[in-house]
Amino acid sequence: MESLIAARVLQGIGGGGLMVSAFAMIGELFSPRDRAKYQGYSSAVFALSSVLGPLAGGYITSLFGWRWVFLVNLPIGIIVLAVLAFAMRSRFNEKRHRIDYLGGVLLATGTTAIVYWGYHVLDPSGPDLLTFVLPLLALVAITLFIMVERRAEEPIVPLRLFGNSTVSIVSGVSLVAGTVTLGMFFYFALYMQTLTGLSPAEVGFLFLPASLTSMVISIVAGRVIAATGRYKWMPVVAMGIGGFLMLGFVLTNQHTPIWVLATMMAVFGISMGLQFQVLIVAIQAAAPLQDIGAVTSLITQARTLGASLGLALNGAVMIWALNRQTSELPTEAAVLLPQGLNGLTPHLASSLPDAIREVVLDHYSSGFNVMFIWVAALYFVAMGLTLLLEDKEIPKRA
């Protein structure tokens, strides 16, 4: 596990640069409205790959073993490097830049403390020293970060950008959006696989509708913005759809037909398609051209932090709820689950006697319902924030 975490750090350093660079380059190459169209294409590819990745990963793991999930990236990476080396023109800037290393370290310290505290605060064992130390550490790190950014020659996050209401609101919405979308994929997979008994590869197919609808809606949304210059209604609708969808998941259980789950994931993709690239277009349109890279990294950072918080907070709520449900299990079911509902795996669920499995899955879905209601509330908070955006028309020219 320590090796995987260390590798994930390296992957994050490279992946963070890729995410920001791809969208920032589009912002520099195209006029404000045209950005929407090309951001739509880029977001469509991102949405497709983010869902096809788990689908392919399930099959690769089943057929060849989990190590091949990493090895398969090597030939893909070599091809991409070759394209970048031979097909992309290089524009060299003579200006020497000063990287804000101290700001980066403080920001990483603060966000890591927040994320770990989010996972730790609802621990069933109760509060301990970390429960109080982590938020204090986060507060100190963020305070020092703000002081450093005010004096840095080239700050990693230019604080003056937050004087623009669109930048502030979009950053807040992106934080919540990461929590309720990217921070939910793992729990969707766990929930569906345990309830349905499908293999990881088969569960991956349930994510395919989300990928397809997100891809199509991203392209359509980009073209609509390019034609009209209006975007505010899209994230408002996206967050509303997401909130009501989470409430819809409360009604699902082990008897819900597969096609209903697939349809609900398709709706989840519509919500993603109406928000991801739209928020990038909005924040890039609100920033001066020289700050496009900074605001793009800001929204990426917010979304990534939201995804990490989502995995921690959503998981903490789920674990708390499952522990409550475990205490309500009948004795004959509890003895077959020594680790409680938190330790329930798809394989263990399928091996239970039919009558006991029915009771166990009822309690299991009830535990997940608490998390779905929590995520629905976050969606409606994000919807409220998007309503605060100014209904501006993006100009055709910068």
Protein backbone atom coordinates (compact mmCIF):
# COMPACT_ATOMS: atom_id res chain seq x y z
CA MET A 1 0.00 0.00 0.00
CA GLU A 2 2.85 2.40 0.79
CA SER A 3 4.30 1.80 -2.69
CA LEU A 4 0.93 2.50 -4.33
CA ILE A 5 0.53 5.73 -2.36
CA ALA A 6 4.04 6.90 -3.32
CA ALA A 7 3.32 6.11 -6.97
CA ARG A 8 0.04 8.00 -6.70
CA VAL A 9 1.96 11.11 -5.56
CA LEU A 10 4.11 10.95 -8.70
CA GLN A 11 1.04 10.30 -10.84
CA GLY A 12 -0.67 13.33 -9.30
CA ILE A 13 2.29 15.59 -10.13
CA GLY A 14 2.17 14.58 -13.78
CA GLY A 15 -1.61 14.34 -14.01
CA GLY A 16 -2.10 17.77 -12.44
CA GLY A 17 0.12 19.34 -15.08
CA LEU A 18 -1.72 17.53 -17.88
CA MET A 19 -5.18 18.57 -16.68
CA VAL A 20 -4.29 22.24 -16.38
CA SER A 21 -2.19 22.45 -19.55
CA ALA A 22 -4.80 20.86 -21.81
CA PHE A 23 -7.59 23.27 -20.84
CA ALA A 24 -5.30 26.30 -20.49
CA MET A 25 -3.95 25.82 -24.03
CA ILE A 26 -7.50 25.84 -25.40
CA GLY A 27 -8.08 29.08 -23.49
CA GLU A 28 -5.04 30.70 -25.10
CA LEU A 29 -5.63 29.39 -28.63
CA PHE A 30 -9.28 30.36 -29.13
CA SER A 31 -11.54 33.37 -28.65
CA PRO A 32 -13.92 33.31 -25.62
CA ARG A 33 -16.94 31.75 -27.35
CA ASP A 34 -14.93 29.33 -29.48
CA ARG A 35 -13.29 28.06 -26.30
CA ALA A 36 -16.66 26.64 -25.27
CA LYS A 37 -16.85 24.49 -28.38
CA TYR A 38 -13.33 23.09 -28.04
CA GLN A 39 -13.58 22.74 -24.27
CA GLY A 40 -16.69 20.67 -25.02
CA TYR A 41 -14.71 18.34 -27.27
CA SER A 42 -11.96 18.04 -24.66
CA SER A 43 -14.42 17.45 -21.82
CA ALA A 44 -16.23 14.84 -23.91
CA VAL A 45 -12.99 12.90 -24.34
CA PHE A 46 -12.23 13.29 -20.64
CA ALA A 47 -15.72 12.05 -19.67
CA LEU A 48 -15.46 9.11 -22.06
CA SER A 49 -12.03 8.05 -20.82
CA SER A 50 -12.93 8.52 -17.14
CA VAL A 51 -15.68 5.92 -17.49
CA LEU A 52 -14.05 3.66 -20.07
CA GLY A 53 -10.99 3.52 -17.80
CA PRO A 54 -12.78 1.66 -14.96
CA LEU A 55 -14.55 -0.51 -17.56
CA ALA A 56 -11.28 -1.51 -19.19
CA GLY A 57 -9.63 -1.80 -15.79
CA GLY A 58 -12.22 -4.32 -14.66
CA TYR A 59 -11.58 -6.56 -17.64
CA ILE A 60 -7.79 -6.18 -17.49
CA THR A 61 -7.80 -7.05 -13.79
CA SER A 62 -10.04 -10.08 -14.35
CA LEU A 63 -8.07 -11.41 -17.33
CA PHE A 64 -4.43 -10.52 -16.57
CA GLY A 65 -4.16 -9.30 -12.96
CA TRP A 66 -4.16 -5.85 -11.37
CA ARG A 67 -0.52 -5.00 -12.24
CA TRP A 68 -1.48 -4.78 -15.91
CA VAL A 69 -3.78 -1.86 -15.07
CA PHE A 70 -0.57 0.14 -14.65
CA LEU A 71 1.52 -1.50 -17.37
CA VAL A 72 -1.10 -0.83 -20.06
CA ASN A 73 -0.44 2.91 -19.64
CA LEU A 74 3.16 2.58 -20.87
CA PRO A 75 2.46 2.09 -24.61
CA ILE A 76 -0.27 4.76 -24.43
CA GLY A 77 2.17 7.17 -22.81
CA ILE A 78 4.86 6.47 -25.41
CA ILE A 79 2.41 7.20 -28.25
CA VAL A 80 1.31 10.47 -26.63
CA LEU A 81 4.91 11.55 -26.05
CA ALA A 82 5.70 10.86 -29.71
CA VAL A 83 2.76 12.98 -30.84
CA LEU A 84 3.81 15.84 -28.56
CA ALA A 85 7.42 15.63 -29.72
CA PHE A 86 6.77 15.57 -33.47
CA ALA A 87 3.33 17.09 -34.09
CA MET A 88 3.09 19.96 -31.59
CA ARG A 89 4.82 23.25 -32.30
CA SER A 90 6.86 24.67 -29.44
CA ARG A 91 6.63 28.31 -28.41
CA PHE A 92 9.48 29.29 -26.12
CA ASN A 93 9.05 32.15 -23.66
CA GLU A 94 12.29 33.98 -22.85
CA LYS A 95 10.99 35.14 -19.48
CA ARG A 96 12.45 33.33 -16.49
CA HIS A 97 9.80 32.27 -13.99
CA ARG A 98 10.07 31.81 -10.23
CA ILE A 99 8.11 28.78 -9.06
CA ASP A 100 6.24 29.30 -5.81
CA TYR A 101 7.49 26.15 -4.07
CA LEU A 102 6.68 27.35 -0.53
CA GLY A 103 3.11 28.22 -1.53
CA GLY A 104 2.73 24.80 -3.14
CA VAL A 105 3.95 22.96 -0.04
CA LEU A 106 1.68 24.95 2.27
CA LEU A 107 -1.33 24.43 0.01
CA ALA A 108 -0.63 20.69 -0.18
CA THR A 109 -0.25 20.51 3.62
CA GLY A 110 -3.49 22.35 4.25
CA THR A 111 -5.57 20.38 1.77
CA THR A 112 -4.14 17.03 2.89
CA ALA A 113 -5.00 17.84 6.50
CA ILE A 114 -8.56 18.81 5.50
CA VAL A 115 -9.07 15.65 3.46
CA TYR A 116 -7.69 13.33 6.14
CA TRP A 117 -9.74 15.07 8.83
CA GLY A 118 -12.86 14.62 6.66
CA TYR A 119 -12.24 10.87 6.65
CA HIS A 120 -11.21 10.73 10.30
CA VAL A 121 -13.86 12.90 11.97
CA LEU A 122 -16.68 10.33 11.69
CA ASP A 123 -14.54 7.37 12.76
CA PRO A 124 -16.71 4.96 14.79
CA SER A 125 -14.06 4.76 17.52
CA GLY A 126 -14.80 8.39 18.42
CA PRO A 127 -12.68 11.57 18.59
CA ASP A 128 -8.98 11.42 19.37
CA LEU A 129 -6.00 13.77 19.18
CA LEU A 130 -6.02 13.89 15.36
CA THR A 131 -9.66 15.00 15.38
CA PHE A 132 -8.54 18.31 16.90
CA VAL A 133 -4.97 18.59 15.53
CA LEU A 134 -5.80 18.18 11.83
CA PRO A 135 -8.19 21.16 11.48
CA LEU A 136 -5.73 23.30 13.46
CA LEU A 137 -2.90 22.22 11.13
CA ALA A 138 -5.07 23.00 8.10
CA LEU A 139 -5.94 26.46 9.47
CA VAL A 140 -2.28 27.31 10.17
CA ALA A 141 -1.14 26.04 6.73
CA ILE A 142 -3.85 27.94 4.83
CA THR A 143 -3.16 31.14 6.84
CA LEU A 144 0.56 30.92 6.06
CA PHE A 145 -0.30 30.11 2.43
CA ILE A 146 -2.32 33.33 2.10
CA MET A 147 0.54 35.35 3.63
CA VAL A 148 3.07 33.79 1.24
CA GLU A 149 0.83 34.29 -1.81
CA ARG A 150 0.45 38.00 -1.05
CA ARG A 151 4.22 38.47 -1.23
CA ALA A 152 5.19 35.90 -3.87
CA GLU A 153 6.54 37.27 -7.17
CA GLU A 154 4.58 34.66 -9.13
CA PRO A 155 2.05 33.15 -6.68
CA ILE A 156 0.74 29.67 -7.34
CA VAL A 157 -2.76 31.10 -6.72
CA PRO A 158 -3.02 34.86 -7.46
CA LEU A 159 -5.34 36.01 -4.64
CA ARG A 160 -6.43 39.08 -6.62
CA LEU A 161 -8.45 36.75 -8.87
CA PHE A 162 -10.92 36.19 -6.02
CA GLY A 163 -11.93 39.83 -6.32
CA ASN A 164 -13.92 38.64 -9.35
CA SER A 165 -17.23 37.17 -8.16
CA THR A 166 -17.41 34.68 -11.06
CA VAL A 167 -13.98 33.26 -10.18
CA SER A 168 -14.93 32.90 -6.49
CA ILE A 169 -18.32 31.30 -7.17
CA VAL A 170 -17.06 28.93 -9.88
CA SER A 171 -14.22 27.81 -7.59
CA GLY A 172 -16.70 27.05 -4.80
CA VAL A 173 -19.06 25.23 -7.15
CA SER A 174 -16.16 23.20 -8.58
CA LEU A 175 -15.15 22.13 -5.08
CA VAL A 176 -18.64 20.81 -4.36
CA ALA A 177 -18.96 19.38 -7.89
CA GLY A 178 -15.82 17.31 -7.41
CA THR A 179 -17.25 15.98 -4.14
CA VAL A 180 -20.56 14.86 -5.67
CA THR A 181 -19.30 13.56 -9.02
CA LEU A 182 -15.69 12.36 -9.04
CA GLY A 183 -15.97 11.57 -5.33
CA MET A 184 -18.91 9.22 -5.98
CA PHE A 185 -17.66 6.85 -8.72
CA PHE A 186 -16.06 4.42 -6.25
CA TYR A 187 -19.21 4.23 -4.10
CA PHE A 188 -21.48 3.75 -7.10
CA ALA A 189 -19.34 0.78 -8.15
CA LEU A 190 -19.28 -0.71 -4.65
CA TYR A 191 -23.02 -0.25 -4.17
CA MET A 192 -24.04 -1.71 -7.52
CA GLN A 193 -21.65 -4.64 -7.40
CA THR A 194 -22.73 -5.65 -3.90
CA LEU A 195 -26.45 -5.36 -4.64
CA THR A 196 -26.43 -6.99 -8.08
CA GLY A 197 -23.64 -9.54 -7.62
CA LEU A 198 -22.15 -8.52 -10.99
CA SER A 199 -18.42 -8.81 -11.66
CA PRO A 200 -16.22 -5.66 -11.73
CA ALA A 201 -16.16 -5.80 -15.53
CA GLU A 202 -19.94 -6.12 -15.74
CA VAL A 203 -20.45 -3.25 -13.30
CA GLY A 204 -18.18 -1.21 -15.57
CA PHE A 205 -20.84 -1.50 -18.29
CA LEU A 206 -23.30 0.26 -15.97
CA PHE A 207 -21.00 3.30 -16.13
CA LEU A 208 -21.02 3.31 -19.93
CA PRO A 209 -24.35 5.22 -20.22
CA ALA A 210 -22.89 7.98 -18.01
CA SER A 211 -19.89 8.22 -20.31
CA LEU A 212 -21.96 8.39 -23.49
CA THR A 213 -24.47 10.98 -22.27
CA SER A 214 -21.73 13.12 -20.71
CA MET A 215 -19.77 13.04 -23.97
CA VAL A 216 -22.77 14.04 -26.09
CA ILE A 217 -24.01 16.75 -23.70
CA SER A 218 -20.50 18.24 -23.38
CA ILE A 219 -20.27 18.70 -27.14
CA VAL A 220 -23.83 20.06 -27.43
CA ALA A 221 -23.35 22.44 -24.48
CA GLY A 222 -20.11 23.77 -25.97
CA ARG A 223 -21.82 24.48 -29.30
CA VAL A 224 -24.78 26.18 -27.60
CA ILE A 225 -22.46 28.48 -25.65
CA ALA A 226 -20.44 29.24 -28.79
CA ALA A 227 -23.67 30.24 -30.57
CA THR A 228 -25.41 32.18 -27.78
CA GLY A 229 -22.70 33.21 -25.32
CA ARG A 230 -24.98 32.16 -22.42
CA TYR A 231 -23.99 29.51 -19.91
CA LYS A 232 -25.46 30.21 -16.44
CA TRP A 233 -28.53 28.00 -16.83
CA MET A 234 -26.43 24.92 -17.60
CA PRO A 235 -24.69 24.39 -14.22
CA VAL A 236 -27.93 25.35 -12.43
CA VAL A 237 -29.81 22.60 -14.28
CA ALA A 238 -26.87 20.19 -13.84
CA MET A 239 -26.86 20.55 -10.06
CA GLY A 240 -30.65 20.26 -9.87
CA ILE A 241 -30.59 17.05 -11.93
CA GLY A 242 -27.82 15.64 -9.74
CA GLY A 243 -29.67 16.41 -6.50
CA PHE A 244 -32.92 14.79 -7.59
CA LEU A 245 -30.99 11.82 -9.03
CA MET A 246 -29.36 11.16 -5.63
CA LEU A 247 -32.81 11.20 -4.05
CA GLY A 248 -33.84 8.72 -6.74
CA PHE A 249 -31.01 6.40 -5.67
CA VAL A 250 -32.61 6.29 -2.21
CA LEU A 251 -35.46 4.32 -3.79
CA THR A 252 -33.12 1.66 -5.27
CA ASN A 253 -32.37 -1.70 -3.67
CA GLN A 254 -31.32 -5.25 -4.61
CA HIS A 255 -34.55 -5.69 -6.59
CA THR A 256 -34.02 -2.65 -8.82
CA PRO A 257 -33.73 -3.79 -12.47
CA ILE A 258 -30.33 -3.37 -14.12
CA TRP A 259 -31.83 -1.21 -16.87
CA VAL A 260 -33.10 1.26 -14.26
CA LEU A 261 -29.61 1.58 -12.74
CA ALA A 262 -28.15 2.07 -16.23
CA THR A 263 -30.73 4.78 -16.97
CA MET A 264 -29.91 6.56 -13.72
CA MET A 265 -26.21 6.52 -14.62
CA ALA A 266 -27.12 8.03 -18.01
CA VAL A 267 -28.84 10.89 -16.16
CA PHE A 268 -25.72 11.25 -13.98
CA GLY A 269 -23.74 11.74 -17.22
CA ILE A 270 -26.12 14.50 -18.34
CA SER A 271 -25.45 16.33 -15.08
CA MET A 272 -21.69 16.04 -15.59
CA GLY A 273 -21.88 17.15 -19.21
CA LEU A 274 -23.73 20.34 -18.27
CA GLN A 275 -21.20 21.46 -15.68
CA PHE A 276 -17.59 20.36 -16.17
CA GLN A 277 -16.45 22.28 -19.24
CA VAL A 278 -19.12 24.97 -18.74
CA LEU A 279 -17.50 26.03 -15.46
CA ILE A 280 -14.08 26.14 -17.14
CA VAL A 281 -15.48 28.34 -19.93
CA ALA A 282 -17.09 30.63 -17.34
CA ILE A 283 -13.94 31.11 -15.25
CA GLN A 284 -11.70 31.59 -18.30
CA ALA A 285 -14.08 34.20 -19.72
CA ALA A 286 -13.96 36.09 -16.41
CA ALA A 287 -10.14 36.22 -16.20
CA PRO A 288 -7.58 38.29 -18.12
CA LEU A 289 -5.74 36.38 -20.84
CA GLN A 290 -2.47 36.32 -18.85
CA ASP A 291 -4.26 34.60 -15.95
CA ILE A 292 -5.96 31.83 -17.93
CA GLY A 293 -3.41 29.27 -16.79
CA ALA A 294 -3.84 30.36 -13.15
CA VAL A 295 -7.66 30.23 -13.15
CA THR A 296 -7.63 26.90 -14.97
CA SER A 297 -5.30 25.46 -12.34
CA LEU A 298 -7.56 26.97 -9.67
CA ILE A 299 -10.67 25.19 -10.92
CA THR A 300 -8.71 21.96 -11.40
CA GLN A 301 -7.35 22.21 -7.85
CA ALA A 302 -10.85 22.85 -6.49
CA ARG A 303 -12.29 19.91 -8.40
CA THR A 304 -9.45 17.58 -7.36
CA LEU A 305 -9.73 18.65 -3.73
CA GLY A 306 -13.48 18.10 -3.97
CA ALA A 307 -12.93 14.59 -5.34
CA SER A 308 -10.59 13.78 -2.45
CA LEU A 309 -13.01 15.27 0.07
CA GLY A 310 -15.81 13.32 -1.59
CA LEU A 311 -13.99 10.02 -1.16
CA ALA A 312 -13.29 10.91 2.48
CA LEU A 313 -16.52 12.61 3.60
CA ASN A 314 -18.93 10.51 1.54
CA GLY A 315 -17.17 7.40 2.76
CA ALA A 316 -17.24 8.59 6.36
CA VAL A 317 -21.00 9.21 6.16
CA MET A 318 -21.49 5.79 4.55
CA ILE A 319 -19.41 4.00 7.21
CA TRP A 320 -21.26 5.79 10.01
CA ALA A 321 -24.62 4.82 8.51
CA LEU A 322 -23.57 1.20 7.86
CA ASN A 323 -22.39 0.88 11.46
CA ARG A 324 -25.83 2.06 12.61
CA GLN A 325 -27.48 -0.49 10.33
CA THR A 326 -25.14 -3.26 11.57
CA SER A 327 -26.43 -2.76 15.12
CA GLU A 328 -29.99 -3.36 13.84
CA LEU A 329 -29.21 -6.68 12.11
CA PRO A 330 -30.93 -9.79 13.48
CA THR A 331 -28.62 -12.14 15.38
CA GLU A 332 -28.61 -14.87 12.71
CA ALA A 333 -27.39 -12.33 10.13
CA ALA A 334 -24.91 -10.55 12.42
CA VAL A 335 -23.01 -13.76 13.24
CA LEU A 336 -22.31 -14.29 9.53
CA LEU A 337 -20.83 -10.78 9.24
CA PRO A 338 -17.99 -10.61 11.79
CA GLN A 339 -16.88 -7.23 10.39
CA GLY A 340 -20.39 -5.89 10.08
CA LEU A 341 -21.88 -4.33 6.96
CA ASN A 342 -18.65 -2.36 6.45
CA GLY A 343 -16.91 -5.65 5.77
CA LEU A 344 -19.58 -6.88 3.35
CA THR A 345 -18.06 -7.76 -0.02
CA PRO A 346 -19.88 -8.81 -3.20
CA HIS A 347 -18.44 -12.32 -2.82
CA LEU A 348 -19.57 -12.59 0.82
CA ALA A 349 -23.04 -11.26 -0.02
CA SER A 350 -23.53 -13.84 -2.77
CA SER A 351 -22.52 -16.67 -0.43
CA LEU A 352 -25.15 -15.88 2.22
CA PRO A 353 -28.36 -17.97 2.45
CA ASP A 354 -31.17 -16.38 0.44
CA ALA A 355 -33.31 -15.26 3.36
CA ILE A 356 -30.36 -13.78 5.28
CA ARG A 357 -28.97 -12.13 2.14
CA GLU A 358 -32.30 -10.39 1.61
CA VAL A 359 -32.21 -8.92 5.13
CA VAL A 360 -28.54 -7.98 4.92
CA LEU A 361 -28.92 -6.18 1.57
CA ASP A 362 -31.98 -4.31 2.86
CA HIS A 363 -29.88 -2.89 5.71
CA TYR A 364 -26.94 -2.33 3.37
CA SER A 365 -28.99 -0.20 0.96
CA SER A 366 -30.50 1.69 3.93
CA GLY A 367 -26.97 2.63 5.01
CA PHE A 368 -26.11 3.88 1.53
CA ASN A 369 -29.36 5.89 1.46
CA VAL A 370 -27.97 8.17 4.17
CA MET A 371 -24.98 8.92 1.95
CA PHE A 372 -27.20 9.55 -1.07
CA ILE A 373 -29.27 12.07 0.93
CA TRP A 374 -26.05 13.76 2.09
CA VAL A 375 -24.78 14.03 -1.49
CA ALA A 376 -28.18 15.32 -2.66
CA ALA A 377 -27.91 18.12 -0.07
CA LEU A 378 -24.46 19.02 -1.43
CA TYR A 379 -25.87 19.15 -4.96
CA PHE A 380 -28.56 21.61 -3.86
CA VAL A 381 -25.92 23.75 -2.09
CA ALA A 382 -23.97 23.85 -5.37
CA MET A 383 -27.19 24.73 -7.20
CA GLY A 384 -27.67 27.66 -4.84
CA LEU A 385 -24.14 28.87 -5.57
CA THR A 386 -24.65 28.67 -9.34
CA LEU A 387 -27.78 30.81 -9.01
CA LEU A 388 -25.50 33.57 -7.67
CA LEU A 389 -23.53 33.70 -10.95
CA GLU A 390 -24.10 36.79 -13.06
CA ASP A 391 -26.04 35.97 -16.21
CA LYS A 392 -23.38 37.38 -18.53
CA GLU A 393 -23.06 36.93 -22.27
CA ILE A 394 -19.58 35.75 -23.26
CA PRO A 395 -18.20 38.11 -25.93
CA LYS A 396 -17.18 36.74 -29.32
CA ARG A 397 -13.75 38.35 -29.03
CA ALA A 398 -11.45 38.77 -26.04
